Amino acid sequence: MPKSARDLSIEDLQQHIRKMYYDKDVARGIDGTFMWLMEEVGELASALRGNDRENLQEEFADVIAWLFTIANVADVNLAEALSAKYGQGCPGCQRFECECSLDEKP
């Protein structure tokens, strides 16, 4: 395990979250875990409207942690998924600096 959170790769973080919470997460199931993720996204939305930098950082961290949690329950390796989708550039225009129109989702 890396020395600090700063050293955690995507794969390391997913395994770290898995070690801490996997049994509870599986017992809660995908639906219950997804609801917790959505609650955290809502809290992040509120934090984005405020000016409490510490709270904003906490909410970003919570959203990421719950995303990793649901990926664990769904048996999805996020490092592999991200690499497959974004490793060769933008999925829309295939460039590393996206040139897609602002009104289209890459």
C-alpha atoms as a PDB file:
ATOM      1  CA  MET A   1       0.000   0.000   0.000  1.00  0.00           C
ATOM      2  CA  PRO A   2       1.346   3.478  -0.830  1.00  0.00           C
ATOM      3  CA  LYS A   3       2.685   5.682   1.965  1.00  0.00           C
ATOM      4  CA  SER A   4       0.028   8.358   1.675  1.00  0.00           C
ATOM      5  CA  ALA A   5      -3.200   9.217  -0.116  1.00  0.00           C
ATOM      6  CA  ARG A   6      -1.148  11.386  -2.497  1.00  0.00           C
ATOM      7  CA  ASP A   7       0.522   8.190  -3.736  1.00  0.00           C
ATOM      8  CA  LEU A   8      -2.730   6.359  -4.535  1.00  0.00           C
ATOM      9  CA  SER A   9      -3.246   5.503  -8.184  1.00  0.00           C
ATOM     10  CA  ILE A  10      -6.768   4.900  -9.450  1.00  0.00           C
ATOM     11  CA  GLU A  11      -6.259   1.159  -9.072  1.00  0.00           C
ATOM     12  CA  ASP A  12      -4.750   1.581  -5.586  1.00  0.00           C
ATOM     13  CA  LEU A  13      -7.642   3.762  -4.444  1.00  0.00           C
ATOM     14  CA  GLN A  14     -10.239   1.320  -5.736  1.00  0.00           C
ATOM     15  CA  GLN A  15      -8.555  -1.508  -3.835  1.00  0.00           C
ATOM     16  CA  HIS A  16      -8.198   0.684  -0.736  1.00  0.00           C
ATOM     17  CA  ILE A  17     -11.939   1.454  -0.762  1.00  0.00           C
ATOM     18  CA  ARG A  18     -12.677  -2.230  -1.419  1.00  0.00           C
ATOM     19  CA  LYS A  19     -10.653  -3.336   1.621  1.00  0.00           C
ATOM     20  CA  MET A  20     -12.410  -0.841   3.885  1.00  0.00           C
ATOM     21  CA  TYR A  21     -16.024  -1.250   2.764  1.00  0.00           C
ATOM     22  CA  TYR A  22     -16.612  -4.154   0.357  1.00  0.00           C
ATOM     23  CA  ASP A  23     -18.670  -6.431   2.640  1.00  0.00           C
ATOM     24  CA  LYS A  24     -20.955  -3.571   3.698  1.00  0.00           C
ATOM     25  CA  ASP A  25     -21.253  -2.359   0.110  1.00  0.00           C
ATOM     26  CA  VAL A  26     -22.221  -5.777  -1.248  1.00  0.00           C
ATOM     27  CA  ALA A  27     -24.784  -6.202   1.533  1.00  0.00           C
ATOM     28  CA  ARG A  28     -26.275  -2.793   0.619  1.00  0.00           C
ATOM     29  CA  GLY A  29     -26.318  -3.734  -3.068  1.00  0.00           C
ATOM     30  CA  ILE A  30     -26.076  -1.655  -6.195  1.00  0.00           C
ATOM     31  CA  ASP A  31     -29.364   0.198  -5.710  1.00  0.00           C
ATOM     32  CA  GLY A  32     -28.587   1.262  -2.148  1.00  0.00           C
ATOM     33  CA  THR A  33     -25.023   2.166  -3.013  1.00  0.00           C
ATOM     34  CA  PHE A  34     -26.175   4.183  -6.027  1.00  0.00           C
ATOM     35  CA  MET A  35     -28.527   6.170  -3.784  1.00  0.00           C
ATOM     36  CA  TRP A  36     -25.614   7.067  -1.487  1.00  0.00           C
ATOM     37  CA  LEU A  37     -23.610   8.163  -4.533  1.00  0.00           C
ATOM     38  CA  MET A  38     -26.474  10.400  -5.656  1.00  0.00           C
ATOM     39  CA  GLU A  39     -26.740  11.925  -2.181  1.00  0.00           C
ATOM     40  CA  GLU A  40     -23.051  12.791  -2.320  1.00  0.00           C
ATOM     41  CA  VAL A  41     -23.430  14.301  -5.803  1.00  0.00           C
ATOM     42  CA  GLY A  42     -26.178  16.508  -4.368  1.00  0.00           C
ATOM     43  CA  GLU A  43     -23.909  17.576  -1.517  1.00  0.00           C
ATOM     44  CA  LEU A  44     -21.177  18.363  -4.054  1.00  0.00           C
ATOM     45  CA  ALA A  45     -23.638  20.484  -6.034  1.00  0.00           C
ATOM     46  CA  SER A  46     -24.414  22.474  -2.888  1.00  0.00           C
ATOM     47  CA  ALA A  47     -20.730  22.847  -2.046  1.00  0.00           C
ATOM     48  CA  LEU A  48     -19.992  24.160  -5.544  1.00  0.00           C
ATOM     49  CA  ARG A  49     -22.421  27.005  -4.889  1.00  0.00           C
ATOM     50  CA  GLY A  50     -20.689  27.965  -1.648  1.00  0.00           C
ATOM     51  CA  ASN A  51     -17.258  29.269  -0.835  1.00  0.00           C
ATOM     52  CA  ASP A  52     -16.114  26.778   1.801  1.00  0.00           C
ATOM     53  CA  ARG A  53     -13.021  25.292   0.150  1.00  0.00           C
ATOM     54  CA  GLU A  54     -12.581  22.563   2.783  1.00  0.00           C
ATOM     55  CA  ASN A  55     -16.172  21.369   2.368  1.00  0.00           C
ATOM     56  CA  LEU A  56     -15.786  21.409  -1.413  1.00  0.00           C
ATOM     57  CA  GLN A  57     -12.714  19.167  -1.188  1.00  0.00           C
ATOM     58  CA  GLU A  58     -14.531  16.781   1.165  1.00  0.00           C
ATOM     59  CA  GLU A  59     -17.515  16.499  -1.160  1.00  0.00           C
ATOM     60  CA  PHE A  60     -15.330  15.807  -4.209  1.00  0.00           C
ATOM     61  CA  ALA A  61     -13.567  13.102  -2.191  1.00  0.00           C
ATOM     62  CA  ASP A  62     -16.904  11.610  -1.087  1.00  0.00           C
ATOM     63  CA  VAL A  63     -18.214  11.454  -4.668  1.00  0.00           C
ATOM     64  CA  ILE A  64     -15.042   9.740  -5.855  1.00  0.00           C
ATOM     65  CA  ALA A  65     -15.129   7.276  -2.948  1.00  0.00           C
ATOM     66  CA  TRP A  66     -18.772   6.348  -3.575  1.00  0.00           C
ATOM     67  CA  LEU A  67     -18.084   6.000  -7.310  1.00  0.00           C
ATOM     68  CA  PHE A  68     -15.272   3.560  -6.512  1.00  0.00           C
ATOM     69  CA  THR A  69     -17.596   1.791  -4.067  1.00  0.00           C
ATOM     70  CA  ILE A  70     -20.307   1.211  -6.654  1.00  0.00           C
ATOM     71  CA  ALA A  71     -17.678   0.129  -9.195  1.00  0.00           C
ATOM     72  CA  ASN A  72     -16.493  -2.484  -6.703  1.00  0.00           C
ATOM     73  CA  VAL A  73     -20.015  -3.800  -6.168  1.00  0.00           C
ATOM     74  CA  ALA A  74     -20.584  -3.875  -9.944  1.00  0.00           C
ATOM     75  CA  ASP A  75     -17.184  -5.576 -10.459  1.00  0.00           C
ATOM     76  CA  VAL A  76     -15.819  -2.800 -12.719  1.00  0.00           C
ATOM     77  CA  ASN A  77     -12.118  -1.953 -12.690  1.00  0.00           C
ATOM     78  CA  LEU A  78     -12.135   1.832 -13.045  1.00  0.00           C
ATOM     79  CA  ALA A  79      -8.481   2.086 -14.102  1.00  0.00           C
ATOM     80  CA  GLU A  80      -9.179  -0.262 -17.004  1.00  0.00           C
ATOM     81  CA  ALA A  81     -12.462   1.470 -17.872  1.00  0.00           C
ATOM     82  CA  LEU A  82     -10.876   4.927 -17.896  1.00  0.00           C
ATOM     83  CA  SER A  83      -7.919   3.767 -19.940  1.00  0.00           C
ATOM     84  CA  ALA A  84     -10.174   2.044 -22.478  1.00  0.00           C
ATOM     85  CA  LYS A  85     -12.429   5.080 -22.880  1.00  0.00           C
ATOM     86  CA  TYR A  86      -9.989   8.010 -22.560  1.00  0.00           C
ATOM     87  CA  GLY A  87      -6.515   6.500 -22.960  1.00  0.00           C
ATOM     88  CA  GLN A  88      -6.330   7.306 -26.666  1.00  0.00           C
ATOM     89  CA  GLY A  89      -7.765  10.811 -26.321  1.00  0.00           C
ATOM     90  CA  CYS A  90     -11.253  12.270 -26.537  1.00  0.00           C
ATOM     91  CA  PRO A  91     -13.818   9.574 -27.390  1.00  0.00           C
ATOM     92  CA  GLY A  92     -15.526  12.035 -29.753  1.00  0.00           C
ATOM     93  CA  CYS A  93     -12.694  13.538 -31.812  1.00  0.00           C
ATOM     94  CA  GLN A  94      -9.853  11.154 -30.790  1.00  0.00           C
ATOM     95  CA  ARG A  95      -7.564  14.084 -29.941  1.00  0.00           C
ATOM     96  CA  PHE A  96      -5.726  14.666 -26.679  1.00  0.00           C
ATOM     97  CA  GLU A  97      -6.928  18.260 -26.723  1.00  0.00           C
ATOM     98  CA  CYS A  98     -10.631  17.948 -27.465  1.00  0.00           C
ATOM     99  CA  GLU A  99     -11.877  19.792 -30.525  1.00  0.00           C
ATOM    100  CA  CYS A 100     -15.503  18.705 -30.242  1.00  0.00           C
ATOM    101  CA  SER A 101     -18.156  21.412 -30.482  1.00  0.00           C
ATOM    102  CA  LEU A 102     -19.302  22.817 -27.137  1.00  0.00           C
ATOM    103  CA  ASP A 103     -22.882  21.700 -27.876  1.00  0.00           C
ATOM    104  CA  GLU A 104     -21.938  18.044 -28.271  1.00  0.00           C
ATOM    105  CA  LYS A 105     -20.886  15.663 -25.533  1.00  0.00           C
ATOM    106  CA  PRO A 106     -17.557  14.008 -26.383  1.00  0.00           C
END
